[in-house]
Amino acid sequence: MAKRDDKALQQNPHALREQREKNLEVAIGRQVRELRKRQRMTVADLATQTGLSVGMLSKIENGVISPSLTTISTLAHALRVPLVQLFSGYEEERGCMHVKAGEGVEIERAGTRAGHQYHLLGHIGSNNSGVVVEPYMISLDSESDQFPTFQHEGIELLYMLEGEMGYRHGDRLYRMEPGDSLLFDSDAPHGPEELMSLPIRYLSIITYPQQR
């Protein structure tokens, strides 16, 4: 098994972030209270520095009201933190899609031929990661079919499930068997070239930058 000593791979995939609040007002209030206490300020002290009433600050800290952007900016200045830090405890909704077996959407991509099926296994649109991921289940079942090479932006991962094929990437041909994977820069010409044992099924996961 290949091993790499690469700092880029040292992220703990099981790490958990601190629990975040799903209600924005409560999240802001909690941050204001924690920052105030951390700086050993009373509610009256913060009221004096911001010009807000003690009652108003109490409502903000308890998440009872939704403060205006001007008020949030005033609080951030008084607490000597960036404005965005007051939103740091808020948990935005994160996308998730569950596709049952056999329910992937069959689509046509450029270069699709008879006997060459693409099933899209899920899609998440605009997100905060800055990355788009397209997972496909690809099936090849026609020995006579000829396939073009593809080129597109991003990184692609193939994982072989069934059959055998010779897969072209640039000027090299890789023999792919069940359990094999191939990770590559998809800007180089690539695609199945030799269909050695049919039917062939493999996962293709394409990632590329999200257009902002």
Protein backbone atom coordinates (compact mmCIF):
# COMPACT_ATOMS: atom_id res chain seq x y z
CA MET A 1 0.00 0.00 0.00
CA ALA A 2 1.41 3.38 -0.98
CA LYS A 3 2.10 5.79 1.87
CA ARG A 4 2.58 9.52 1.79
CA ASP A 5 3.88 11.90 4.41
CA ASP A 6 1.84 14.85 3.22
CA LYS A 7 0.63 17.64 5.48
CA ALA A 8 -2.29 18.18 3.07
CA LEU A 9 -3.63 14.77 4.05
CA GLN A 10 -3.47 15.28 7.81
CA GLN A 11 -7.03 16.59 8.20
CA ASN A 12 -8.93 14.40 10.63
CA PRO A 13 -12.02 13.14 8.75
CA HIS A 14 -13.72 12.32 12.06
CA ALA A 15 -13.20 15.72 13.68
CA LEU A 16 -16.31 17.54 14.92
CA ARG A 17 -16.84 21.27 15.08
CA GLU A 18 -18.32 22.81 18.18
CA GLN A 19 -22.10 22.61 18.25
CA ARG A 20 -23.71 25.44 16.35
CA GLU A 21 -27.07 27.14 16.76
CA LYS A 22 -29.74 26.86 14.05
CA ASN A 23 -31.51 30.06 15.13
CA LEU A 24 -29.61 33.18 13.99
CA GLU A 25 -30.84 35.47 16.77
CA VAL A 26 -29.90 32.95 19.47
CA ALA A 27 -26.48 32.42 17.85
CA ILE A 28 -25.72 36.15 17.81
CA GLY A 29 -26.93 36.58 21.39
CA ARG A 30 -24.78 33.72 22.62
CA GLN A 31 -21.70 35.19 20.94
CA VAL A 32 -22.34 38.65 22.42
CA ARG A 33 -22.76 37.19 25.92
CA GLU A 34 -19.65 34.99 25.70
CA LEU A 35 -17.47 37.80 24.32
CA ARG A 36 -18.75 40.24 26.95
CA LYS A 37 -18.03 37.83 29.80
CA ARG A 38 -14.64 36.95 28.36
CA GLN A 39 -13.71 40.63 28.57
CA ARG A 40 -15.12 40.89 32.13
CA MET A 41 -17.76 43.40 31.09
CA THR A 42 -21.18 43.71 32.70
CA VAL A 43 -24.30 44.34 30.65
CA ALA A 44 -24.24 47.90 32.04
CA ASP A 45 -20.63 48.36 30.84
CA LEU A 46 -21.56 47.22 27.33
CA ALA A 47 -24.64 49.43 27.38
CA THR A 48 -22.47 52.47 28.19
CA GLN A 49 -20.03 51.69 25.35
CA THR A 50 -22.71 51.04 22.73
CA GLY A 51 -25.39 53.52 23.71
CA LEU A 52 -27.91 50.67 23.84
CA SER A 53 -30.18 50.18 26.83
CA VAL A 54 -29.58 47.38 29.33
CA GLY A 55 -33.02 46.00 28.45
CA MET A 56 -32.22 45.94 24.75
CA LEU A 57 -28.89 44.17 25.37
CA SER A 58 -30.61 41.62 27.56
CA LYS A 59 -33.08 40.84 24.77
CA ILE A 60 -30.25 40.54 22.23
CA GLU A 61 -28.23 38.19 24.45
CA ASN A 62 -31.28 36.00 25.00
CA GLY A 63 -32.08 35.83 21.29
CA VAL A 64 -35.48 37.45 21.79
CA ILE A 65 -35.09 40.09 19.10
CA SER A 66 -33.31 40.36 15.76
CA PRO A 67 -30.77 43.20 15.97
CA SER A 68 -30.19 45.43 12.96
CA LEU A 69 -26.91 45.29 11.06
CA THR A 70 -26.03 48.71 12.51
CA THR A 71 -26.57 47.38 16.04
CA ILE A 72 -24.49 44.27 15.33
CA SER A 73 -21.71 46.47 13.95
CA THR A 74 -21.85 48.65 17.09
CA LEU A 75 -21.63 45.57 19.33
CA ALA A 76 -18.70 44.15 17.38
CA HIS A 77 -16.83 47.45 17.69
CA ALA A 78 -17.46 47.62 21.43
CA LEU A 79 -16.38 44.00 21.89
CA ARG A 80 -13.30 44.59 19.68
CA VAL A 81 -14.01 41.71 17.27
CA PRO A 82 -14.73 41.52 13.51
CA LEU A 83 -18.43 41.84 12.75
CA VAL A 84 -18.54 38.36 11.18
CA GLN A 85 -17.46 36.79 14.48
CA LEU A 86 -20.90 37.51 15.93
CA PHE A 87 -22.33 35.14 13.28
CA SER A 88 -19.76 32.40 13.88
CA GLY A 89 -22.05 30.26 16.04
CA TYR A 90 -24.76 30.03 13.40
CA GLU A 91 -25.25 26.73 11.57
CA GLU A 92 -26.38 27.27 8.00
CA GLU A 93 -28.39 24.55 6.31
CA ARG A 94 -26.07 22.13 4.50
CA GLY A 95 -27.12 20.28 1.39
CA CYS A 96 -27.60 16.52 1.37
CA MET A 97 -29.09 14.19 -1.24
CA HIS A 98 -30.00 10.52 -0.74
CA VAL A 99 -30.43 8.47 -3.93
CA LYS A 100 -31.82 4.95 -3.57
CA ALA A 101 -30.38 2.06 -5.58
CA GLY A 102 -31.45 2.24 -9.21
CA GLU A 103 -32.88 5.76 -8.89
CA GLY A 104 -29.94 7.74 -10.27
CA VAL A 105 -31.03 10.10 -13.05
CA GLU A 106 -29.97 8.87 -16.48
CA ILE A 107 -28.53 11.76 -18.44
CA GLU A 108 -26.78 12.39 -21.71
CA ARG A 109 -23.35 13.99 -21.67
CA ALA A 110 -21.28 15.16 -24.60
CA GLY A 111 -19.92 12.07 -26.32
CA THR A 112 -22.55 9.67 -24.93
CA ARG A 113 -23.14 6.69 -27.22
CA ALA A 114 -25.47 3.68 -27.32
CA GLY A 115 -24.35 1.16 -24.72
CA HIS A 116 -22.70 3.91 -22.65
CA GLN A 117 -25.02 4.95 -19.78
CA TYR A 118 -24.50 7.76 -17.29
CA HIS A 119 -26.53 7.81 -14.09
CA LEU A 120 -26.07 10.95 -12.00
CA LEU A 121 -26.08 9.84 -8.35
CA GLY A 122 -26.72 13.24 -6.79
CA HIS A 123 -26.14 16.95 -7.11
CA ILE A 124 -25.77 19.82 -4.65
CA GLY A 125 -25.98 23.27 -6.16
CA SER A 126 -24.56 26.46 -4.67
CA ASN A 127 -22.65 25.71 -1.47
CA ASN A 128 -19.99 27.18 0.80
CA SER A 129 -17.22 24.75 -0.13
CA GLY A 130 -16.45 26.44 -3.45
CA VAL A 131 -16.43 23.01 -5.12
CA VAL A 132 -18.97 21.22 -7.34
CA VAL A 133 -19.04 17.40 -7.20
CA GLU A 134 -20.67 15.27 -9.92
CA PRO A 135 -20.87 11.54 -9.04
CA TYR A 136 -21.81 9.17 -11.87
CA MET A 137 -22.41 5.45 -12.22
CA ILE A 138 -21.23 4.54 -15.72
CA SER A 139 -22.20 1.32 -17.48
CA LEU A 140 -20.67 -0.04 -20.69
CA ASP A 141 -22.29 -3.03 -22.31
CA SER A 142 -21.59 -2.83 -26.05
CA GLU A 143 -18.35 -4.31 -27.33
CA SER A 144 -18.72 -2.65 -30.72
CA ASP A 145 -19.20 0.84 -29.33
CA GLN A 146 -16.37 3.33 -29.80
CA PHE A 147 -15.84 6.08 -27.25
CA PRO A 148 -14.28 9.51 -27.74
CA THR A 149 -11.78 10.95 -25.31
CA PHE A 150 -13.04 13.63 -22.95
CA GLN A 151 -11.41 16.81 -21.66
CA HIS A 152 -12.88 19.11 -19.02
CA GLU A 153 -11.77 21.11 -16.01
CA GLY A 154 -11.32 19.61 -12.56
CA ILE A 155 -10.17 16.38 -10.93
CA GLU A 156 -11.79 13.00 -11.57
CA LEU A 157 -11.80 9.78 -9.57
CA LEU A 158 -12.73 6.43 -11.11
CA TYR A 159 -13.54 3.35 -9.03
CA MET A 160 -13.99 0.08 -10.89
CA LEU A 161 -16.95 -2.10 -9.81
CA GLU A 162 -17.37 -4.72 -12.53
CA GLY A 163 -15.62 -5.93 -15.70
CA GLU A 164 -12.23 -4.92 -17.08
CA MET A 165 -11.15 -2.12 -19.36
CA GLY A 166 -8.15 -0.18 -20.57
CA TYR A 167 -8.64 3.48 -19.61
CA ARG A 168 -6.74 6.20 -21.43
CA HIS A 169 -5.32 9.23 -19.64
CA GLY A 170 -3.02 11.37 -21.74
CA ASP A 171 -0.44 9.10 -23.35
CA ARG A 172 -0.88 6.20 -20.89
CA LEU A 173 -3.33 3.30 -20.82
CA TYR A 174 -4.35 1.86 -17.44
CA ARG A 175 -5.82 -1.62 -16.99
CA MET A 176 -8.81 -1.22 -14.68
CA GLU A 177 -10.22 -4.19 -12.75
CA PRO A 178 -12.78 -4.40 -9.90
CA GLY A 179 -11.46 -2.56 -6.85
CA ASP A 180 -9.01 -0.43 -8.87
CA SER A 181 -9.14 3.36 -8.72
CA LEU A 182 -7.72 6.10 -10.90
CA LEU A 183 -7.40 9.73 -9.79
CA PHE A 184 -6.40 12.25 -12.44
CA ASP A 185 -6.41 15.78 -13.80
CA SER A 186 -9.35 15.71 -16.20
CA ASP A 187 -7.95 18.46 -18.42
CA ALA A 188 -5.88 15.75 -20.16
CA PRO A 189 -7.64 13.61 -22.82
CA HIS A 190 -9.19 10.59 -21.11
CA GLY A 191 -11.77 7.85 -21.57
CA PRO A 192 -12.36 4.08 -21.89
CA GLU A 193 -10.33 2.72 -24.80
CA GLU A 194 -10.23 -1.08 -24.51
CA LEU A 195 -13.31 -2.98 -23.31
CA MET A 196 -11.79 -6.23 -22.09
CA SER A 197 -14.60 -7.85 -20.09
CA LEU A 198 -18.25 -6.78 -20.31
CA PRO A 199 -20.43 -5.60 -18.74
CA ILE A 200 -18.36 -2.81 -17.22
CA ARG A 201 -19.52 -0.63 -14.33
CA TYR A 202 -17.54 2.06 -12.56
CA LEU A 203 -18.00 5.17 -10.47
CA SER A 204 -16.81 8.47 -11.88
CA ILE A 205 -16.62 11.37 -9.42
CA ILE A 206 -15.78 14.74 -11.00
CA THR A 207 -14.92 17.83 -8.95
CA TYR A 208 -14.35 21.35 -10.22
CA PRO A 209 -14.49 24.93 -8.90
CA GLN A 210 -17.92 26.41 -8.36
CA GLN A 211 -18.67 29.42 -10.51
CA ARG A 212 -19.23 32.42 -8.26
